[in-house]
Amino acid sequence: MIPSTRSRSTRLVAGLAAIAAAILGACVLVILWVLGTASADMDRVQHAGRGRLVGAILKTYQDSVSSEVADYVSWSQLYNYLRGPRDPVFETENLGPYLKQTFDTDDVFIIARSGHVAYSYRANPGTTGDALAASPAVQQLAKSAFQAEDSGHRRVISGVISLGGVPAMVAASTILPSVIKDASEFTLIEAQELDPQTIAELGKSYGVSELAIGPTDGSGIALLDPAQRPSGFNINWRSAASGSQLFNRVLPVILLIGIVTALAFAGVAFAWWRFLDHLKEGEARILAAELEATRAQAHAAEETSRSKSAFIANMSHEFRTPLNAIIGFSEVLRSEIFGPMPKGKYREYIGDIHASGRHLLRLVNDILQLSKIEADKMEVRVETVSAHDAIAGSMRVVLILAAKRNIRIHFHHDAASPRIVADKSALEQILLNLLSNAVKFSEDGGLVEIGCTEANGRCTIAVKDRGCGIPAATLAQLGKPFVQAEGTFARKYQGTGLGLAISFRLAQLMGAALAIDSAERAGTTATLTLQMAREAPMVSAA
């Protein structure tokens, strides 16, 4: 090749390389602009979505407090308690301490029309319950509840107020069972204090980071008081900024691809200038660029897979928010707070919605608990527990279901309650599952027996029914998830078999043993064996 031809070729290659470099640079800038815009839009959408989620969390939390108040104010026993002399036993078993243990209610007040404090309870230290009950905020809340009833629009009033400087979710309604036609003389007020730890744990359970309540500062969501006015508190959270994080992760990859591609163009131009000597070197650079691009694609695919797994895991928790809303609204409709429901299919459908929602929520909770156990993330707190108290607590829950079908539950026990080593919450859950199964698979008007005996350092709790029984082929499979006995009554009552699976695993975690003995059409006996504590037995209160 003559020098002039080589010069023209070199200039041509240099020109083409410059044009290619300009196009490549423009493409990289356009890609970065598109990704930056999409990332900002993603962050805005995610922030708005988190705002809706936080609003739903607050609504569910508020509905939960309102539902408790709605249930209690229609209770005849509470109305009769206020008419008689003060009963400390009733207060302990049904008001403040019971509500704190069962529903985590921090403050309970009963205010008369005159403003007199008929009852007060506060679980947290600091300002006394009587002082809070006499505060202007609580007195105004009680007055609003009386005004709502007097105007013919009796309802549960709820919102956020300041209790002793601490934000609290409160709900109030006048105490008036449906059978009483006179005007109510008392208002029930319940409050759950929104302390930083409670709010942070609540946000964490829904996947919201750094959820916190503070004074109004113009950010977050303003919390409303029972009169639907700003309460002076806002709720804030930390945005995940997934779009910005994704952009920051992708940016180095894009720049690397651009640099590698530019080097490839430079290699081609350089190879043309020194054609034969550097041909292999140019091919090696192209292969290196392709390998780097493949690794980048693999990395992106791995990130996508991780995000999908996290999404699926979080969805199980997200199910609980709409389910709690469905259950809460159906309970409000069933209680007829806003007026009587028409008889017929409407009332039947509301009952079906409530029952289905409760069933699905129990199923989601069972799946989450079983997954937690199988992942070795379930912890038990072993302590000394009264066997009779645990049995009596579980029986109280099941007695309502048994009474609907005229099924009797008989508890055989001595006066002295054995002291056993167990996790109280896990033990009560096991007993509740066993008693519920016994009632479910018993015939109407049947008998369920529960016995508690001790021997050789062991306490044995046996739950016996005379229901449909379990076939021998199914009995060997019990304890596995989604395995349920088959038979006349098993087909009548649907179930997943998760209750027994969870019970077997909880018993194993506590160092206890659970066994099922059954004969088809003869009944079933579930036996739970626990270790006795080294303390003397106590006299049972059951």
Protein backbone atom coordinates (compact mmCIF):
# COMPACT_ATOMS: atom_id res chain seq x y z
CA MET A 1 0.00 0.00 0.00
CA ILE A 2 1.43 3.37 -1.02
CA PRO A 3 1.80 6.06 1.69
CA SER A 4 -1.06 8.26 0.38
CA THR A 5 -3.48 5.37 0.33
CA ARG A 6 -2.39 4.35 3.85
CA SER A 7 -2.90 7.94 5.02
CA ARG A 8 -6.39 8.12 3.52
CA SER A 9 -7.31 4.76 5.07
CA THR A 10 -5.97 5.88 8.42
CA ARG A 11 -7.99 9.09 8.28
CA LEU A 12 -11.08 7.13 7.24
CA VAL A 13 -10.69 4.70 10.11
CA ALA A 14 -10.02 7.55 12.51
CA GLY A 15 -13.13 9.36 11.28
CA LEU A 16 -15.32 6.28 11.59
CA ALA A 17 -13.91 5.64 15.06
CA ALA A 18 -14.71 9.23 16.09
CA ILE A 19 -18.28 8.94 14.77
CA ALA A 20 -18.74 5.59 16.52
CA ALA A 21 -17.35 7.05 19.76
CA ALA A 22 -19.78 9.99 19.51
CA ILE A 23 -22.73 7.65 18.88
CA LEU A 24 -21.63 5.43 21.75
CA GLY A 25 -21.31 8.40 24.09
CA ALA A 26 -24.74 9.70 23.07
CA CYS A 27 -26.28 6.25 23.65
CA VAL A 28 -24.69 6.00 27.07
CA LEU A 29 -25.99 9.46 28.03
CA VAL A 30 -29.50 8.63 26.78
CA ILE A 31 -29.50 5.33 28.69
CA LEU A 32 -28.32 7.10 31.85
CA TRP A 33 -31.00 9.78 31.44
CA VAL A 34 -33.74 7.16 30.93
CA LEU A 35 -32.55 5.14 33.93
CA GLY A 36 -32.27 8.26 36.09
CA THR A 37 -35.80 9.37 35.17
CA ALA A 38 -37.19 5.86 35.71
CA SER A 39 -35.38 5.58 39.06
CA ALA A 40 -36.81 8.91 40.25
CA ASP A 41 -40.30 7.84 39.15
CA MET A 42 -39.83 4.50 40.91
CA ASP A 43 -38.82 6.29 44.12
CA ARG A 44 -41.87 8.57 43.92
CA VAL A 45 -44.22 5.67 43.28
CA GLN A 46 -42.63 3.64 46.07
CA HIS A 47 -42.89 6.56 48.48
CA ALA A 48 -46.55 7.02 47.60
CA GLY A 49 -47.12 3.28 47.99
CA ARG A 50 -45.41 3.32 51.39
CA GLY A 51 -47.66 6.23 52.34
CA ARG A 52 -50.74 4.19 51.44
CA LEU A 53 -49.34 1.21 53.34
CA VAL A 54 -48.66 3.33 56.44
CA GLY A 55 -52.19 4.74 56.17
CA ALA A 56 -53.59 1.21 55.98
CA ILE A 57 -51.47 0.15 58.98
CA LEU A 58 -52.83 3.07 61.02
CA LYS A 59 -56.39 2.32 59.89
CA THR A 60 -56.04 -1.34 60.86
CA TYR A 61 -54.54 -0.34 64.22
CA GLN A 62 -57.37 2.14 64.83
CA ASP A 63 -60.03 -0.38 63.78
CA SER A 64 -58.54 -2.94 66.17
CA VAL A 65 -58.89 -0.55 69.15
CA SER A 66 -62.38 0.50 68.02
CA SER A 67 -63.45 -3.15 67.64
CA GLU A 68 -62.41 -3.91 71.23
CA VAL A 69 -64.45 -0.97 72.54
CA ALA A 70 -67.44 -1.90 70.36
CA ASP A 71 -67.43 -5.45 71.78
CA TYR A 72 -67.16 -4.31 75.40
CA VAL A 73 -69.78 -1.53 75.45
CA SER A 74 -72.49 -3.97 74.35
CA TRP A 75 -71.57 -6.46 77.11
CA SER A 76 -74.33 -6.81 79.72
CA GLN A 77 -71.91 -7.92 82.46
CA LEU A 78 -69.98 -4.63 82.16
CA TYR A 79 -73.23 -2.67 82.39
CA ASN A 80 -74.29 -4.63 85.50
CA TYR A 81 -70.82 -4.18 87.05
CA LEU A 82 -71.18 -0.38 86.87
CA ARG A 83 -74.59 -0.54 88.58
CA GLY A 84 -73.33 -2.55 91.55
CA PRO A 85 -70.54 -2.23 94.12
CA ARG A 86 -66.94 -2.25 92.88
CA ASP A 87 -65.75 -5.81 92.14
CA PRO A 88 -61.91 -6.08 92.10
CA VAL A 89 -62.05 -9.63 90.72
CA PHE A 90 -64.17 -8.54 87.76
CA GLU A 91 -61.81 -5.63 87.09
CA THR A 92 -58.77 -7.90 87.08
CA GLU A 93 -60.29 -10.66 84.95
CA ASN A 94 -62.23 -8.49 82.48
CA LEU A 95 -60.96 -4.89 82.44
CA GLY A 96 -57.51 -3.30 82.69
CA PRO A 97 -55.11 -6.19 83.45
CA TYR A 98 -57.03 -8.60 81.18
CA LEU A 99 -57.15 -6.12 78.29
CA LYS A 100 -53.43 -5.41 78.69
CA GLN A 101 -52.54 -9.12 78.60
CA THR A 102 -54.95 -10.05 75.79
CA PHE A 103 -54.99 -7.00 73.50
CA ASP A 104 -51.96 -5.01 74.75
CA THR A 105 -54.28 -2.15 75.83
CA ASP A 106 -52.29 0.40 77.88
CA ASP A 107 -55.07 2.59 79.36
CA VAL A 108 -58.71 1.92 80.26
CA PHE A 109 -61.10 4.58 81.63
CA ILE A 110 -64.82 4.57 82.45
CA ILE A 111 -66.24 8.10 82.74
CA ALA A 112 -69.71 9.00 84.06
CA ARG A 113 -71.90 11.72 82.51
CA SER A 114 -70.98 13.97 85.41
CA GLY A 115 -67.29 13.62 84.53
CA HIS A 116 -66.65 11.41 87.56
CA VAL A 117 -64.01 8.72 86.98
CA ALA A 118 -65.75 5.39 87.68
CA TYR A 119 -62.71 3.26 86.75
CA SER A 120 -59.16 3.89 85.56
CA TYR A 121 -56.21 1.68 84.69
CA ARG A 122 -52.78 2.49 83.30
CA ALA A 123 -50.21 -0.20 82.58
CA ASN A 124 -47.20 2.11 82.08
CA PRO A 125 -45.44 4.04 84.87
CA GLY A 126 -45.71 7.81 85.16
CA THR A 127 -48.94 9.74 85.42
CA THR A 128 -51.64 7.80 87.30
CA GLY A 129 -54.74 6.50 85.59
CA ASP A 130 -57.04 8.78 87.64
CA ALA A 131 -55.00 11.83 86.65
CA LEU A 132 -55.18 10.93 82.96
CA ALA A 133 -58.90 10.15 83.20
CA ALA A 134 -59.50 13.62 84.65
CA SER A 135 -57.43 15.35 81.94
CA PRO A 136 -59.27 17.69 79.52
CA ALA A 137 -58.52 15.47 76.50
CA VAL A 138 -60.10 12.35 78.07
CA GLN A 139 -63.03 14.29 79.53
CA GLN A 140 -63.75 15.88 76.14
CA LEU A 141 -63.61 12.44 74.49
CA ALA A 142 -66.18 11.10 76.97
CA LYS A 143 -68.38 14.16 76.43
CA SER A 144 -68.26 13.61 72.65
CA ALA A 145 -69.37 9.98 73.09
CA PHE A 146 -72.37 11.08 75.20
CA GLN A 147 -73.25 13.77 72.66
CA ALA A 148 -73.14 11.22 69.83
CA GLU A 149 -75.57 8.96 71.70
CA ASP A 150 -77.88 11.82 72.67
CA SER A 151 -78.06 12.95 69.04
CA GLY A 152 -79.17 9.46 67.99
CA HIS A 153 -75.91 8.61 66.26
CA ARG A 154 -74.24 6.36 68.80
CA ARG A 155 -70.89 5.12 67.47
CA VAL A 156 -67.29 4.40 68.41
CA ILE A 157 -65.22 7.62 68.37
CA SER A 158 -61.51 7.07 67.72
CA GLY A 159 -58.32 8.94 66.89
CA VAL A 160 -54.96 10.05 68.29
CA ILE A 161 -54.60 12.25 71.37
CA SER A 162 -51.83 13.09 73.83
CA LEU A 163 -51.92 11.13 77.10
CA GLY A 164 -49.39 12.60 79.50
CA GLY A 165 -47.33 13.85 76.56
CA VAL A 166 -47.36 10.45 74.81
CA PRO A 167 -49.35 9.99 71.58
CA ALA A 168 -52.01 7.31 71.97
CA MET A 169 -54.63 5.70 69.73
CA VAL A 170 -57.92 5.98 71.65
CA ALA A 171 -61.47 4.80 71.08
CA ALA A 172 -64.60 5.63 73.10
CA SER A 173 -68.28 4.70 73.14
CA THR A 174 -71.12 4.79 75.65
CA ILE A 175 -71.80 1.57 77.57
CA LEU A 176 -75.27 0.43 76.52
CA PRO A 177 -76.26 -3.19 75.75
CA SER A 178 -78.89 -3.58 73.05
CA VAL A 179 -81.45 -4.88 75.56
CA ILE A 180 -81.25 -1.62 77.59
CA LYS A 181 -83.46 1.20 76.33
CA ASP A 182 -82.49 3.92 78.85
CA ALA A 183 -79.78 6.49 78.13
CA SER A 184 -76.26 5.38 79.00
CA GLU A 185 -74.60 6.86 82.08
CA PHE A 186 -71.03 5.74 81.39
CA THR A 187 -68.50 5.89 78.55
CA LEU A 188 -65.73 3.32 78.02
CA ILE A 189 -62.39 4.65 76.72
CA GLU A 190 -59.49 2.39 75.69
CA ALA A 191 -56.04 3.58 74.56
CA GLN A 192 -52.91 2.02 73.11
CA GLU A 193 -49.90 4.28 73.60
CA LEU A 194 -47.84 4.81 70.44
CA ASP A 195 -44.39 4.65 72.03
CA PRO A 196 -41.35 4.59 69.71
CA GLN A 197 -40.62 0.89 70.23
CA THR A 198 -44.22 -0.17 69.49
CA ILE A 199 -44.38 1.93 66.33
CA ALA A 200 -40.96 0.73 65.13
CA GLU A 201 -41.91 -2.93 65.65
CA LEU A 202 -45.26 -2.35 63.92
CA GLY A 203 -43.49 -0.86 60.91
CA LYS A 204 -40.91 -3.63 60.86
CA SER A 205 -43.65 -6.29 60.75
CA TYR A 206 -44.99 -4.67 57.58
CA GLY A 207 -41.57 -4.02 56.02
CA VAL A 208 -41.57 -0.26 56.68
CA SER A 209 -38.19 1.02 57.93
CA GLU A 210 -37.80 3.56 60.76
CA LEU A 211 -41.53 4.12 61.31
CA ALA A 212 -41.81 6.79 64.01
CA ILE A 213 -44.30 9.30 65.46
CA GLY A 214 -43.27 12.84 66.35
CA PRO A 215 -44.52 16.43 66.50
CA THR A 216 -46.00 17.89 63.32
CA ASP A 217 -43.18 19.11 61.07
CA GLY A 218 -44.83 19.16 57.64
CA SER A 219 -43.60 15.70 56.57
CA GLY A 220 -45.13 12.24 56.71
CA ILE A 221 -48.83 11.75 57.49
CA ALA A 222 -50.72 13.94 59.96
CA LEU A 223 -52.54 11.92 62.66
CA LEU A 224 -56.13 12.99 63.35
CA ASP A 225 -57.80 13.25 66.74
CA PRO A 226 -61.30 11.81 67.42
CA ALA A 227 -62.84 15.05 66.04
CA GLN A 228 -60.93 14.47 62.75
CA ARG A 229 -58.66 17.45 63.41
CA PRO A 230 -54.84 17.40 63.38
CA SER A 231 -53.66 15.93 66.67
CA GLY A 232 -50.27 17.65 66.61
CA PHE A 233 -48.47 14.41 65.74
CA ASN A 234 -47.15 13.09 62.44
CA ILE A 235 -45.99 9.61 61.46
CA ASN A 236 -42.84 9.35 59.36
CA TRP A 237 -40.80 6.55 57.78
CA ARG A 238 -37.62 6.10 55.80
CA SER A 239 -38.17 5.68 52.08
CA ALA A 240 -36.53 2.61 50.61
CA ALA A 241 -35.35 4.56 47.49
CA SER A 242 -35.11 1.35 45.48
CA GLY A 243 -34.92 3.33 42.25
CA SER A 244 -31.85 5.30 43.38
CA GLN A 245 -30.22 2.15 44.72
CA LEU A 246 -30.88 0.34 41.44
CA PHE A 247 -29.45 3.29 39.47
CA ASN A 248 -26.33 3.35 41.63
CA ARG A 249 -25.84 -0.39 41.07
CA VAL A 250 -26.45 -0.23 37.33
CA LEU A 251 -24.36 2.92 36.70
CA PRO A 252 -20.94 1.22 37.03
CA VAL A 253 -22.11 -1.60 34.74
CA ILE A 254 -23.25 0.84 32.06
CA LEU A 255 -20.02 2.83 32.27
CA LEU A 256 -18.02 -0.37 32.15
CA ILE A 257 -19.91 -1.55 29.05
CA GLY A 258 -19.39 1.85 27.43
CA ILE A 259 -15.68 1.83 28.21
CA VAL A 260 -15.28 -1.74 27.01
CA THR A 261 -17.18 -0.95 23.81
CA ALA A 262 -15.06 2.17 23.24
CA LEU A 263 -11.95 0.11 23.76
CA ALA A 264 -13.29 -2.40 21.27
CA PHE A 265 -13.72 0.36 18.67
CA ALA A 266 -10.22 1.59 19.45
CA GLY A 267 -8.94 -1.95 19.10
CA VAL A 268 -10.57 -2.30 15.68
CA ALA A 269 -9.02 0.99 14.52
CA PHE A 270 -5.67 0.04 15.97
CA ALA A 271 -5.96 -3.41 14.35
CA TRP A 272 -6.58 -1.75 10.97
CA TRP A 273 -3.46 0.35 11.34
CA ARG A 274 -1.41 -2.60 12.43
CA PHE A 275 -3.45 -5.22 10.73
CA LEU A 276 -1.68 -8.52 11.06
CA ASP A 277 0.48 -7.91 14.14
CA HIS A 278 -2.39 -7.13 16.50
CA LEU A 279 -5.30 -9.17 15.07
CA LYS A 280 -5.26 -11.76 17.86
CA GLU A 281 -4.95 -9.08 20.52
CA GLY A 282 -8.04 -7.33 19.14
CA GLU A 283 -10.05 -10.56 19.21
CA ALA A 284 -9.01 -11.16 22.82
CA ARG A 285 -10.27 -7.73 23.83
CA ILE A 286 -13.62 -8.41 22.11
CA LEU A 287 -13.93 -11.72 23.95
CA ALA A 288 -13.11 -10.00 27.24
CA ALA A 289 -15.82 -7.42 26.58
CA GLU A 290 -18.39 -10.13 25.84
CA LEU A 291 -17.40 -12.01 29.01
CA GLU A 292 -17.81 -8.86 31.10
CA ALA A 293 -21.22 -8.19 29.54
CA THR A 294 -22.29 -11.79 30.33
CA ARG A 295 -21.20 -11.38 33.96
CA ALA A 296 -23.16 -8.14 34.20
CA GLN A 297 -26.26 -9.87 32.85
CA ALA A 298 -25.82 -12.75 35.29
CA HIS A 299 -25.48 -10.28 38.16
CA ALA A 300 -28.65 -8.48 37.08
CA ALA A 301 -30.53 -11.82 36.86
CA GLU A 302 -29.33 -12.75 40.36
CA GLU A 303 -30.56 -9.42 41.74
CA THR A 304 -33.92 -9.94 40.05
CA SER A 305 -34.24 -13.42 41.60
CA ARG A 306 -33.39 -12.05 45.05
CA SER A 307 -35.95 -9.28 44.70
CA LYS A 308 -38.62 -11.79 43.63
CA SER A 309 -37.93 -14.01 46.64
CA ALA A 310 -38.15 -11.04 49.01
CA PHE A 311 -41.40 -9.97 47.35
CA ILE A 312 -42.99 -13.41 47.79
CA ALA A 313 -41.90 -13.54 51.45
CA ASN A 314 -43.30 -10.09 52.17
CA MET A 315 -46.62 -10.85 50.48
CA SER A 316 -47.52 -13.33 53.25
CA HIS A 317 -47.26 -10.48 55.75
CA GLU A 318 -49.04 -8.02 53.43
CA PHE A 319 -52.07 -10.36 53.30
CA ARG A 320 -52.77 -9.58 56.95
CA THR A 321 -53.45 -5.88 56.37
CA PRO A 322 -56.48 -6.28 54.03
CA LEU A 323 -57.70 -9.32 55.97
CA ASN A 324 -57.74 -7.37 59.24
CA ALA A 325 -59.62 -4.57 57.48
CA ILE A 326 -62.20 -7.02 56.08
CA ILE A 327 -62.65 -8.65 59.50
CA GLY A 328 -62.86 -5.29 61.26
CA PHE A 329 -65.48 -3.87 58.90
CA SER A 330 -67.55 -7.07 58.97
CA GLU A 331 -67.45 -7.01 62.80
CA VAL A 332 -68.65 -3.40 62.78
CA LEU A 333 -71.53 -4.35 60.45
CA ARG A 334 -72.44 -7.40 62.56
CA SER A 335 -72.48 -5.32 65.77
CA GLU A 336 -74.90 -2.88 64.08
CA ILE A 337 -73.09 0.15 65.52
CA PHE A 338 -74.38 2.39 62.75
CA GLY A 339 -77.93 1.07 62.84
CA PRO A 340 -79.81 -2.23 62.58
CA MET A 341 -79.10 -4.46 59.60
CA PRO A 342 -82.03 -5.73 57.50
CA LYS A 343 -82.84 -9.32 58.21
CA GLY A 344 -82.32 -11.99 55.59
CA LYS A 345 -79.45 -12.54 53.18
CA TYR A 346 -77.57 -9.32 54.09
CA ARG A 347 -76.98 -10.46 57.65
CA GLU A 348 -76.12 -13.98 56.47
CA TYR A 349 -73.63 -12.65 53.91
CA ILE A 350 -71.94 -10.41 56.51
CA GLY A 351 -71.54 -13.46 58.76
CA ASP A 352 -70.05 -15.43 55.86
CA ILE A 353 -67.59 -12.60 55.09
CA HIS A 354 -66.51 -12.41 58.73
CA ALA A 355 -66.14 -16.18 59.09
CA SER A 356 -64.21 -16.49 55.82
CA GLY A 357 -61.92 -13.61 56.74
CA ARG A 358 -61.17 -15.10 60.16
CA HIS A 359 -60.53 -18.49 58.56
CA LEU A 360 -58.13 -17.06 55.97
CA LEU A 361 -56.33 -14.95 58.61
CA ARG A 362 -55.85 -18.02 60.79
CA LEU A 363 -54.52 -19.91 57.77
CA VAL A 364 -52.02 -17.12 56.93
CA ASN A 365 -50.92 -16.91 60.57
CA ASP A 366 -50.53 -20.70 60.75
CA ILE A 367 -48.45 -20.76 57.56
CA LEU A 368 -46.20 -17.95 58.84
CA GLN A 369 -45.77 -19.60 62.23
CA LEU A 370 -45.04 -23.01 60.68
CA SER A 371 -42.50 -21.42 58.33
CA LYS A 372 -40.85 -19.67 61.27
CA ILE A 373 -40.63 -22.93 63.20
CA GLU A 374 -39.19 -24.88 60.25
CA ALA A 375 -36.63 -22.11 59.66
CA ASP A 376 -35.43 -22.51 63.30
CA LYS A 377 -36.42 -18.91 64.07
CA MET A 378 -39.09 -19.77 66.63
CA GLU A 379 -37.97 -19.17 70.22
CA VAL A 380 -39.70 -20.45 73.34
CA ARG A 381 -39.43 -18.98 76.83
CA VAL A 382 -39.63 -21.85 79.27
CA GLU A 383 -40.89 -20.99 82.75
CA THR A 384 -42.90 -22.46 85.60
CA VAL A 385 -46.60 -22.55 84.66
CA SER A 386 -49.78 -23.64 86.44
CA ALA A 387 -51.29 -26.49 84.40
CA HIS A 388 -54.84 -25.79 85.59
CA ASP A 389 -54.62 -22.09 84.73
CA ALA A 390 -53.36 -22.87 81.22
CA ILE A 391 -56.18 -25.39 80.68
CA ALA A 392 -58.82 -23.02 82.07
CA GLY A 393 -57.60 -20.20 79.84
CA SER A 394 -57.87 -22.38 76.73
CA MET A 395 -61.29 -23.70 77.76
CA ARG A 396 -62.71 -20.19 78.05
CA VAL A 397 -62.00 -19.61 74.36
CA VAL A 398 -63.51 -22.93 73.20
CA LEU A 399 -66.61 -22.84 75.44
CA ILE A 400 -68.33 -20.35 73.11
CA LEU A 401 -67.92 -22.67 70.10
CA ALA A 402 -69.01 -25.68 72.17
CA ALA A 403 -72.12 -23.93 73.50
CA LYS A 404 -73.36 -23.25 69.95
CA ARG A 405 -73.58 -27.02 69.36
CA ASN A 406 -74.64 -27.96 72.91
CA ILE A 407 -71.33 -29.78 73.51
CA ARG A 408 -70.26 -30.16 77.15
CA ILE A 409 -66.60 -29.82 78.19
CA HIS A 410 -65.76 -31.52 81.50
CA PHE A 411 -62.45 -30.83 83.27
CA HIS A 412 -61.25 -33.64 85.61
CA HIS A 413 -58.65 -32.32 88.06
CA ASP A 414 -57.50 -32.32 91.65
CA ALA A 415 -57.59 -29.25 93.87
CA ALA A 416 -53.81 -28.80 93.61
CA SER A 417 -52.60 -27.64 90.21
CA PRO A 418 -49.35 -29.23 88.97
CA ARG A 419 -46.51 -26.80 88.32
CA ILE A 420 -44.97 -27.62 84.94
CA VAL A 421 -42.06 -26.38 82.86
CA ALA A 422 -43.37 -24.87 79.61
CA ASP A 423 -43.76 -21.79 77.43
CA LYS A 424 -47.14 -20.45 78.60
CA SER A 425 -48.15 -19.02 75.22
CA ALA A 426 -47.11 -22.14 73.29
CA LEU A 427 -48.83 -24.42 75.84
CA GLU A 428 -52.12 -22.52 75.58
CA GLN A 429 -51.91 -22.62 71.77
CA ILE A 430 -51.44 -26.42 71.83
CA LEU A 431 -54.34 -26.89 74.26
CA LEU A 432 -56.54 -24.55 72.20
CA ASN A 433 -55.82 -26.55 69.02
CA LEU A 434 -56.56 -29.87 70.75
CA LEU A 435 -59.79 -28.62 72.36
CA SER A 436 -60.93 -26.96 69.11
CA ASN A 437 -60.40 -30.21 67.19
CA ALA A 438 -62.24 -32.20 69.85
CA VAL A 439 -65.25 -29.87 69.70
CA LYS A 440 -65.15 -29.64 65.89
CA PHE A 441 -65.27 -33.41 65.34
CA SER A 442 -67.81 -34.17 68.10
CA GLU A 443 -71.47 -34.67 67.37
CA ASP A 444 -73.98 -32.04 68.53
CA GLY A 445 -74.80 -32.58 72.19
CA GLY A 446 -71.62 -34.61 72.71
CA LEU A 447 -69.06 -34.57 75.53
CA VAL A 448 -65.41 -33.53 75.52
CA GLU A 449 -63.31 -34.50 78.55
CA ILE A 450 -59.97 -33.05 79.60
CA GLY A 451 -57.94 -34.54 82.40
CA CYS A 452 -54.78 -33.48 84.21
CA THR A 453 -52.71 -36.01 86.18
CA GLU A 454 -49.14 -36.21 87.44
CA ALA A 455 -46.85 -39.21 87.99
CA ASN A 456 -43.10 -39.91 88.03
CA GLY A 457 -42.13 -36.26 87.61
CA ARG A 458 -44.37 -35.85 84.57
CA CYS A 459 -47.68 -34.07 84.05
CA THR A 460 -50.12 -35.60 81.54
CA ILE A 461 -52.95 -33.58 79.98
CA ALA A 462 -55.42 -35.67 77.97
CA VAL A 463 -58.19 -34.33 75.72
CA LYS A 464 -60.80 -36.95 74.80
CA ASP A 465 -63.79 -36.77 72.44
CA ARG A 466 -66.29 -39.33 71.15
CA GLY A 467 -66.42 -37.99 67.61
CA CYS A 468 -65.83 -39.54 64.19
CA GLY A 469 -62.29 -40.72 64.98
CA ILE A 470 -59.31 -41.04 62.64
CA PRO A 471 -58.64 -43.90 60.19
CA ALA A 472 -55.48 -45.89 60.87
CA ALA A 473 -53.95 -44.90 57.51
CA THR A 474 -54.36 -41.19 58.31
CA LEU A 475 -53.30 -41.50 61.96
CA ALA A 476 -49.72 -42.32 60.97
CA GLN A 477 -49.52 -39.12 58.89
CA LEU A 478 -50.83 -36.70 61.55
CA GLY A 479 -48.44 -33.94 62.48
CA LYS A 480 -47.45 -33.27 58.89
CA PRO A 481 -48.68 -29.97 57.40
CA PHE A 482 -51.96 -30.12 55.43
CA VAL A 483 -52.81 -33.63 56.67
CA GLN A 484 -56.32 -33.92 58.17
CA ALA A 485 -58.41 -36.88 59.23
CA GLU A 486 -61.00 -38.09 56.75
CA GLY A 487 -64.48 -39.17 57.76
CA THR A 488 -68.07 -38.01 58.14
CA PHE A 489 -67.34 -35.02 60.39
CA ALA A 490 -63.93 -34.23 58.86
CA ARG A 491 -65.59 -33.66 55.50
CA LYS A 492 -68.24 -31.52 57.16
CA TYR A 493 -65.68 -29.12 58.70
CA GLN A 494 -62.93 -27.97 56.38
CA GLY A 495 -59.38 -27.61 57.68
CA THR A 496 -55.75 -27.65 56.64
CA GLY A 497 -54.15 -29.84 59.29
CA LEU A 498 -51.77 -26.99 60.20
CA GLY A 499 -53.03 -26.81 63.79
CA LEU A 500 -51.76 -30.28 64.72
CA ALA A 501 -48.53 -29.76 62.76
CA ILE A 502 -47.83 -26.58 64.74
CA SER A 503 -48.81 -28.29 68.00
CA PHE A 504 -46.38 -31.17 67.43
CA ARG A 505 -43.53 -28.75 66.70
CA LEU A 506 -44.29 -26.44 69.64
CA ALA A 507 -44.39 -29.43 71.97
CA GLN A 508 -41.01 -30.58 70.65
CA LEU A 509 -39.51 -27.10 71.15
CA MET A 510 -40.65 -27.10 74.82
CA GLY A 511 -39.29 -30.58 75.45
CA ALA A 512 -42.80 -32.03 75.75
CA ALA A 513 -44.41 -34.97 73.92
CA LEU A 514 -47.73 -35.01 72.04
CA ALA A 515 -49.43 -38.28 71.05
CA ILE A 516 -52.73 -38.98 69.26
CA ASP A 517 -54.69 -42.20 69.88
CA SER A 518 -57.86 -42.73 67.85
CA ALA A 519 -60.26 -45.32 66.49
CA GLU A 520 -62.64 -44.65 63.63
CA ARG A 521 -66.20 -43.91 64.80
CA ALA A 522 -65.06 -44.33 68.42
CA GLY A 523 -63.36 -41.01 69.20
CA THR A 524 -59.90 -39.55 69.69
CA THR A 525 -57.63 -38.96 72.68
CA ALA A 526 -54.76 -36.43 72.46
CA THR A 527 -52.16 -36.76 75.23
CA LEU A 528 -49.65 -34.01 76.06
CA THR A 529 -46.84 -35.00 78.46
CA LEU A 530 -44.80 -32.23 80.13
CA GLN A 531 -42.01 -32.08 82.68
CA MET A 532 -42.97 -31.15 86.25
CA ALA A 533 -41.31 -28.19 87.92
CA ARG A 534 -39.42 -28.76 91.18
CA GLU A 535 -41.77 -26.49 93.07
CA ALA A 536 -44.69 -27.54 95.23
CA PRO A 537 -48.10 -27.63 93.46
CA MET A 538 -50.45 -24.70 93.96
CA VAL A 539 -54.21 -24.62 94.63
CA SER A 540 -55.99 -24.19 91.29
CA ALA A 541 -58.26 -21.23 90.71
CA ALA A 542 -60.13 -23.15 87.98
